Amino acid sequence: MKNIVLFAFISFLLFACNKPIYDYRSKYVGTYHVIQYNQSYSMGQVFSYDTSYYDLKVERSDEKYYVNFISDGGETNYLLEKDGTLHNKSFSGSYFEGGFLSKSKFTLSGGYFSPGGGASYTSTGIKIK
């Protein structure tokens, strides 16, 4: 009887140690409605301004969390770090910064600049589901 209790206790300890650690990014999973303010210019031209609306989805794949910006022009994928900041998977000379301010709101700003012109944007998203 003592052996059975000892075996059960050791088994419990082994399985309890393998308990997964809670990942704080799971609170961001869902769909967000995004409003983006854009500003662009070309050399010799005046600044151009417009506003865009689109959806963003935060999804989990394996152990990584992805943030997918979905618009009529296609999708842009970012990796979501454990601290809530975003990182672009393929850097193309542009810059950006931002992340989640709370479990239901995020902000992102960035752009690109060249000698002939450039563009910048500021996005704010609110979780809808």
N, C-alpha and C. Protein backbone atom coordinates (compact mmCIF):
# COMPACT_ATOMS: atom_id res chain seq x y z
N MET A 1 0.82 -1.20 0.00
CA MET A 1 0.00 0.00 0.00
C MET A 1 0.86 1.26 0.00
N LYS A 2 1.95 1.20 0.81
CA LYS A 2 2.84 2.35 0.86
C LYS A 2 3.48 2.63 -0.49
N ASN A 3 3.82 1.54 -1.22
CA ASN A 3 4.42 1.71 -2.54
C ASN A 3 3.46 2.37 -3.52
N ILE A 4 2.20 2.02 -3.44
CA ILE A 4 1.20 2.62 -4.35
C ILE A 4 1.05 4.11 -4.06
N VAL A 5 0.98 4.47 -2.80
CA VAL A 5 0.85 5.88 -2.42
C VAL A 5 2.11 6.64 -2.84
N LEU A 6 3.29 6.07 -2.62
CA LEU A 6 4.54 6.71 -3.01
C LEU A 6 4.60 6.87 -4.53
N PHE A 7 4.21 5.84 -5.28
CA PHE A 7 4.21 5.91 -6.74
C PHE A 7 3.23 6.99 -7.22
N ALA A 8 2.06 7.05 -6.63
CA ALA A 8 1.06 8.05 -7.01
C ALA A 8 1.57 9.45 -6.72
N PHE A 9 2.23 9.63 -5.59
CA PHE A 9 2.76 10.94 -5.21
C PHE A 9 3.86 11.37 -6.18
N ILE A 10 4.77 10.48 -6.52
CA ILE A 10 5.86 10.80 -7.46
C ILE A 10 5.29 11.10 -8.85
N SER A 11 4.30 10.32 -9.29
CA SER A 11 3.66 10.56 -10.58
C SER A 11 3.00 11.93 -10.60
N PHE A 12 2.32 12.28 -9.53
CA PHE A 12 1.68 13.59 -9.43
C PHE A 12 2.71 14.71 -9.55
N LEU A 13 3.85 14.56 -8.87
CA LEU A 13 4.89 15.58 -8.94
C LEU A 13 5.45 15.73 -10.35
N LEU A 14 5.66 14.62 -11.04
CA LEU A 14 6.19 14.67 -12.40
C LEU A 14 5.23 15.37 -13.35
N PHE A 15 3.96 15.06 -13.27
CA PHE A 15 2.99 15.68 -14.17
C PHE A 15 2.70 17.13 -13.77
N ALA A 16 2.75 17.45 -12.50
CA ALA A 16 2.51 18.82 -12.05
C ALA A 16 3.62 19.75 -12.51
N CYS A 17 4.84 19.23 -12.62
CA CYS A 17 5.97 20.05 -13.07
C CYS A 17 5.88 20.39 -14.54
N ASN A 18 5.15 19.62 -15.33
CA ASN A 18 5.02 19.87 -16.76
C ASN A 18 3.84 20.79 -17.09
N LYS A 19 3.24 21.39 -16.10
CA LYS A 19 2.12 22.27 -16.35
C LYS A 19 2.58 23.47 -17.16
N PRO A 20 1.90 23.81 -18.27
CA PRO A 20 2.34 24.93 -19.09
C PRO A 20 2.19 26.26 -18.34
N ILE A 21 3.11 27.14 -18.60
CA ILE A 21 3.08 28.47 -18.01
C ILE A 21 2.07 29.31 -18.79
N TYR A 22 1.28 30.11 -18.10
CA TYR A 22 0.28 30.96 -18.74
C TYR A 22 0.96 31.97 -19.65
N ASP A 23 0.49 32.11 -20.86
CA ASP A 23 1.04 33.06 -21.82
C ASP A 23 0.14 34.29 -21.85
N TYR A 24 0.68 35.42 -21.45
CA TYR A 24 -0.11 36.65 -21.34
C TYR A 24 -0.62 37.17 -22.68
N ARG A 25 -0.06 36.70 -23.79
CA ARG A 25 -0.53 37.15 -25.11
C ARG A 25 -1.91 36.60 -25.44
N SER A 26 -2.35 35.55 -24.77
CA SER A 26 -3.65 34.96 -25.09
C SER A 26 -4.79 35.95 -24.88
N LYS A 27 -4.62 36.94 -24.01
CA LYS A 27 -5.68 37.92 -23.78
C LYS A 27 -5.89 38.83 -24.98
N TYR A 28 -4.94 38.89 -25.90
CA TYR A 28 -5.06 39.75 -27.08
C TYR A 28 -5.75 39.06 -28.26
N VAL A 29 -5.92 37.75 -28.20
CA VAL A 29 -6.51 37.01 -29.32
C VAL A 29 -7.92 37.53 -29.58
N GLY A 30 -8.21 37.80 -30.86
CA GLY A 30 -9.52 38.29 -31.25
C GLY A 30 -9.45 39.16 -32.48
N THR A 31 -10.54 39.87 -32.76
CA THR A 31 -10.64 40.74 -33.92
C THR A 31 -10.77 42.19 -33.44
N TYR A 32 -10.07 43.08 -34.09
CA TYR A 32 -10.05 44.50 -33.75
C TYR A 32 -10.46 45.33 -34.96
N HIS A 33 -11.17 46.40 -34.72
CA HIS A 33 -11.49 47.36 -35.79
C HIS A 33 -10.45 48.47 -35.68
N VAL A 34 -9.84 48.82 -36.82
CA VAL A 34 -8.71 49.75 -36.83
C VAL A 34 -9.03 50.97 -37.67
N ILE A 35 -8.64 52.13 -37.16
CA ILE A 35 -8.67 53.37 -37.92
C ILE A 35 -7.22 53.83 -38.06
N GLN A 36 -6.85 54.18 -39.30
CA GLN A 36 -5.47 54.57 -39.56
C GLN A 36 -5.44 55.91 -40.27
N TYR A 37 -4.64 56.82 -39.77
CA TYR A 37 -4.44 58.14 -40.37
C TYR A 37 -3.12 58.11 -41.12
N ASN A 38 -3.18 58.42 -42.41
CA ASN A 38 -2.02 58.35 -43.29
C ASN A 38 -1.61 59.74 -43.77
N GLN A 39 -0.29 59.91 -43.96
CA GLN A 39 0.25 61.15 -44.47
C GLN A 39 1.38 60.77 -45.42
N SER A 40 1.40 61.34 -46.62
CA SER A 40 2.47 61.02 -47.56
C SER A 40 2.87 62.27 -48.33
N TYR A 41 4.06 62.23 -48.92
CA TYR A 41 4.52 63.35 -49.73
C TYR A 41 5.51 62.84 -50.77
N SER A 42 5.61 63.60 -51.85
CA SER A 42 6.61 63.40 -52.88
C SER A 42 7.33 64.72 -53.06
N MET A 43 8.59 64.65 -53.44
CA MET A 43 9.37 65.87 -53.59
C MET A 43 8.68 66.83 -54.55
N GLY A 44 8.53 68.07 -54.12
CA GLY A 44 7.91 69.09 -54.96
C GLY A 44 6.39 69.11 -54.89
N GLN A 45 5.78 68.24 -54.12
CA GLN A 45 4.33 68.15 -54.01
C GLN A 45 3.89 68.51 -52.59
N VAL A 46 2.62 68.78 -52.43
CA VAL A 46 2.09 69.05 -51.10
C VAL A 46 1.82 67.72 -50.39
N PHE A 47 1.69 67.78 -49.08
CA PHE A 47 1.39 66.58 -48.31
C PHE A 47 0.00 66.08 -48.67
N SER A 48 -0.17 64.77 -48.66
CA SER A 48 -1.45 64.13 -48.92
C SER A 48 -1.89 63.41 -47.64
N TYR A 49 -3.17 63.54 -47.31
CA TYR A 49 -3.70 62.93 -46.09
C TYR A 49 -4.90 62.06 -46.45
N ASP A 50 -5.04 60.94 -45.78
CA ASP A 50 -6.25 60.13 -45.92
C ASP A 50 -6.43 59.26 -44.67
N THR A 51 -7.57 58.62 -44.61
CA THR A 51 -7.92 57.77 -43.47
C THR A 51 -8.31 56.39 -44.00
N SER A 52 -7.85 55.35 -43.35
CA SER A 52 -8.17 53.98 -43.74
C SER A 52 -8.85 53.26 -42.58
N TYR A 53 -9.71 52.32 -42.92
CA TYR A 53 -10.39 51.48 -41.92
C TYR A 53 -10.18 50.03 -42.33
N TYR A 54 -9.85 49.20 -41.40
CA TYR A 54 -9.69 47.78 -41.69
C TYR A 54 -9.76 46.98 -40.41
N ASP A 55 -9.67 45.66 -40.55
CA ASP A 55 -9.71 44.76 -39.40
C ASP A 55 -8.34 44.18 -39.13
N LEU A 56 -8.14 43.79 -37.92
CA LEU A 56 -6.91 43.16 -37.48
C LEU A 56 -7.30 41.91 -36.71
N LYS A 57 -6.59 40.83 -36.93
CA LYS A 57 -6.85 39.59 -36.19
C LYS A 57 -5.59 39.14 -35.49
N VAL A 58 -5.73 38.83 -34.22
CA VAL A 58 -4.64 38.26 -33.44
C VAL A 58 -4.94 36.77 -33.32
N GLU A 59 -3.99 35.96 -33.80
CA GLU A 59 -4.17 34.52 -33.83
C GLU A 59 -2.93 33.83 -33.27
N ARG A 60 -3.13 32.62 -32.81
CA ARG A 60 -2.03 31.83 -32.29
C ARG A 60 -1.75 30.68 -33.24
N SER A 61 -0.47 30.46 -33.50
CA SER A 61 -0.03 29.33 -34.31
C SER A 61 1.17 28.71 -33.60
N ASP A 62 1.05 27.47 -33.21
CA ASP A 62 2.08 26.80 -32.40
C ASP A 62 2.32 27.64 -31.15
N GLU A 63 3.55 28.08 -30.93
CA GLU A 63 3.87 28.89 -29.75
C GLU A 63 4.01 30.36 -30.09
N LYS A 64 3.68 30.75 -31.34
CA LYS A 64 3.82 32.14 -31.76
C LYS A 64 2.45 32.76 -31.90
N TYR A 65 2.37 34.04 -31.61
CA TYR A 65 1.15 34.81 -31.80
C TYR A 65 1.38 35.77 -32.95
N TYR A 66 0.44 35.80 -33.89
CA TYR A 66 0.54 36.66 -35.05
C TYR A 66 -0.55 37.71 -35.03
N VAL A 67 -0.21 38.89 -35.49
CA VAL A 67 -1.16 39.97 -35.66
C VAL A 67 -1.27 40.19 -37.16
N ASN A 68 -2.44 39.96 -37.73
CA ASN A 68 -2.66 40.09 -39.17
C ASN A 68 -3.52 41.30 -39.46
N PHE A 69 -2.94 42.30 -40.12
CA PHE A 69 -3.69 43.47 -40.59
C PHE A 69 -4.31 43.09 -41.92
N ILE A 70 -5.63 43.10 -42.00
CA ILE A 70 -6.34 42.65 -43.20
C ILE A 70 -7.08 43.84 -43.81
N SER A 71 -6.70 44.18 -45.05
CA SER A 71 -7.35 45.28 -45.75
C SER A 71 -7.59 44.87 -47.20
N ASP A 72 -8.19 45.77 -47.99
CA ASP A 72 -8.43 45.48 -49.40
C ASP A 72 -7.12 45.26 -50.15
N GLY A 73 -6.04 45.87 -49.68
CA GLY A 73 -4.73 45.75 -50.34
C GLY A 73 -3.97 44.49 -49.99
N GLY A 74 -4.49 43.67 -49.09
CA GLY A 74 -3.81 42.44 -48.70
C GLY A 74 -3.64 42.34 -47.20
N GLU A 75 -2.66 41.55 -46.78
CA GLU A 75 -2.41 41.32 -45.36
C GLU A 75 -0.97 41.68 -45.01
N THR A 76 -0.78 42.17 -43.81
CA THR A 76 0.55 42.42 -43.26
C THR A 76 0.62 41.69 -41.93
N ASN A 77 1.63 40.86 -41.76
CA ASN A 77 1.76 40.04 -40.55
C ASN A 77 2.86 40.58 -39.64
N TYR A 78 2.55 40.63 -38.37
CA TYR A 78 3.51 41.01 -37.35
C TYR A 78 3.56 39.91 -36.31
N LEU A 79 4.69 39.77 -35.64
CA LEU A 79 4.81 38.86 -34.51
C LEU A 79 4.49 39.63 -33.24
N LEU A 80 3.75 39.02 -32.35
CA LEU A 80 3.39 39.63 -31.08
C LEU A 80 4.30 39.07 -30.00
N GLU A 81 5.08 39.95 -29.38
CA GLU A 81 6.00 39.55 -28.32
C GLU A 81 5.25 39.40 -27.00
N LYS A 82 5.87 38.76 -26.03
CA LYS A 82 5.23 38.51 -24.74
C LYS A 82 4.89 39.79 -23.98
N ASP A 83 5.63 40.87 -24.25
CA ASP A 83 5.35 42.14 -23.56
C ASP A 83 4.29 42.97 -24.28
N GLY A 84 3.70 42.45 -25.38
CA GLY A 84 2.65 43.15 -26.10
C GLY A 84 3.13 44.03 -27.23
N THR A 85 4.45 44.08 -27.49
CA THR A 85 4.96 44.86 -28.61
C THR A 85 4.89 44.05 -29.89
N LEU A 86 4.91 44.74 -31.02
CA LEU A 86 4.79 44.10 -32.33
C LEU A 86 6.12 44.17 -33.07
N HIS A 87 6.42 43.12 -33.84
CA HIS A 87 7.62 43.08 -34.66
C HIS A 87 7.26 42.59 -36.04
N ASN A 88 7.72 43.31 -37.06
CA ASN A 88 7.48 42.92 -38.44
C ASN A 88 8.38 41.75 -38.79
N LYS A 89 7.83 40.73 -39.44
CA LYS A 89 8.61 39.54 -39.80
C LYS A 89 9.59 39.84 -40.93
N SER A 90 9.24 40.74 -41.85
CA SER A 90 10.12 41.04 -42.97
C SER A 90 10.33 42.56 -43.03
N PHE A 91 11.48 42.98 -42.59
CA PHE A 91 11.79 44.40 -42.54
C PHE A 91 12.15 44.87 -43.95
N SER A 92 11.49 45.93 -44.43
CA SER A 92 11.69 46.39 -45.80
C SER A 92 12.11 47.86 -45.85
N GLY A 93 12.89 48.33 -44.91
CA GLY A 93 13.32 49.71 -44.93
C GLY A 93 12.35 50.65 -44.24
N SER A 94 11.27 50.13 -43.75
CA SER A 94 10.30 50.97 -43.05
C SER A 94 10.54 50.85 -41.56
N TYR A 95 9.92 51.72 -40.81
CA TYR A 95 10.03 51.67 -39.37
C TYR A 95 8.63 51.64 -38.78
N PHE A 96 8.50 51.15 -37.59
CA PHE A 96 7.23 51.21 -36.87
C PHE A 96 7.50 50.96 -35.40
N GLU A 97 6.56 51.38 -34.58
CA GLU A 97 6.62 51.11 -33.16
C GLU A 97 5.21 51.06 -32.62
N GLY A 98 5.03 50.32 -31.59
CA GLY A 98 3.72 50.24 -30.97
C GLY A 98 3.47 48.89 -30.36
N GLY A 99 2.26 48.72 -29.91
CA GLY A 99 1.87 47.47 -29.27
C GLY A 99 0.54 47.63 -28.58
N PHE A 100 0.22 46.68 -27.75
CA PHE A 100 -1.06 46.68 -27.06
C PHE A 100 -0.98 47.52 -25.80
N LEU A 101 -1.93 48.42 -25.66
CA LEU A 101 -2.02 49.29 -24.49
C LEU A 101 -2.80 48.61 -23.37
N SER A 102 -3.74 47.75 -23.76
CA SER A 102 -4.54 46.97 -22.83
C SER A 102 -5.00 45.73 -23.58
N LYS A 103 -5.84 44.91 -22.94
CA LYS A 103 -6.29 43.70 -23.64
C LYS A 103 -7.29 43.99 -24.74
N SER A 104 -7.75 45.24 -24.86
CA SER A 104 -8.72 45.56 -25.89
C SER A 104 -8.34 46.76 -26.76
N LYS A 105 -7.12 47.28 -26.63
CA LYS A 105 -6.72 48.45 -27.41
C LYS A 105 -5.24 48.39 -27.75
N PHE A 106 -4.90 48.78 -29.00
CA PHE A 106 -3.51 48.84 -29.40
C PHE A 106 -3.27 50.10 -30.22
N THR A 107 -2.01 50.43 -30.37
CA THR A 107 -1.61 51.56 -31.21
C THR A 107 -0.36 51.16 -31.99
N LEU A 108 -0.23 51.69 -33.18
CA LEU A 108 0.92 51.40 -34.02
C LEU A 108 1.18 52.61 -34.89
N SER A 109 2.42 53.04 -34.98
CA SER A 109 2.77 54.15 -35.87
C SER A 109 4.05 53.79 -36.58
N GLY A 110 4.24 54.37 -37.75
CA GLY A 110 5.43 54.07 -38.53
C GLY A 110 5.41 54.75 -39.87
N GLY A 111 6.26 54.30 -40.75
CA GLY A 111 6.33 54.86 -42.09
C GLY A 111 7.64 54.52 -42.76
N TYR A 112 7.90 55.23 -43.85
CA TYR A 112 9.17 55.09 -44.56
C TYR A 112 9.50 56.44 -45.17
N PHE A 113 10.76 56.69 -45.33
CA PHE A 113 11.21 57.95 -45.90
C PHE A 113 12.35 57.68 -46.87
N SER A 114 12.38 58.47 -47.95
CA SER A 114 13.44 58.38 -48.94
C SER A 114 13.73 59.80 -49.42
N PRO A 115 14.79 60.01 -50.17
CA PRO A 115 15.08 61.37 -50.65
C PRO A 115 13.96 61.96 -51.51
N GLY A 116 13.18 61.12 -52.18
CA GLY A 116 12.12 61.61 -53.06
C GLY A 116 10.75 61.71 -52.43
N GLY A 117 10.59 61.26 -51.21
CA GLY A 117 9.28 61.30 -50.57
C GLY A 117 9.19 60.34 -49.42
N GLY A 118 7.99 60.12 -48.98
CA GLY A 118 7.80 59.22 -47.86
C GLY A 118 6.36 59.17 -47.42
N ALA A 119 6.11 58.39 -46.40
CA ALA A 119 4.77 58.24 -45.86
C ALA A 119 4.87 57.88 -44.39
N SER A 120 3.87 58.25 -43.64
CA SER A 120 3.80 57.86 -42.23
C SER A 120 2.33 57.54 -41.90
N TYR A 121 2.14 56.83 -40.82
CA TYR A 121 0.78 56.46 -40.41
C TYR A 121 0.71 56.31 -38.90
N THR A 122 -0.48 56.44 -38.39
CA THR A 122 -0.79 56.18 -36.99
C THR A 122 -2.08 55.38 -36.95
N SER A 123 -2.04 54.21 -36.32
CA SER A 123 -3.20 53.32 -36.25
C SER A 123 -3.62 53.12 -34.79
N THR A 124 -4.93 53.03 -34.59
CA THR A 124 -5.49 52.71 -33.29
C THR A 124 -6.55 51.65 -33.50
N GLY A 125 -6.53 50.61 -32.69
CA GLY A 125 -7.50 49.53 -32.82
C GLY A 125 -8.23 49.26 -31.51
N ILE A 126 -9.51 48.90 -31.64
CA ILE A 126 -10.35 48.55 -30.52
C ILE A 126 -10.90 47.14 -30.76
N LYS A 127 -10.84 46.28 -29.75
CA LYS A 127 -11.30 44.90 -29.88
C LYS A 127 -12.82 44.87 -30.01
N ILE A 128 -13.30 44.12 -31.03
CA ILE A 128 -14.75 44.00 -31.24
C ILE A 128 -15.25 42.61 -30.91
N LYS A 129 -14.39 41.59 -30.90
CA LYS A 129 -14.77 40.24 -30.48
C LYS A 129 -13.57 39.41 -30.18
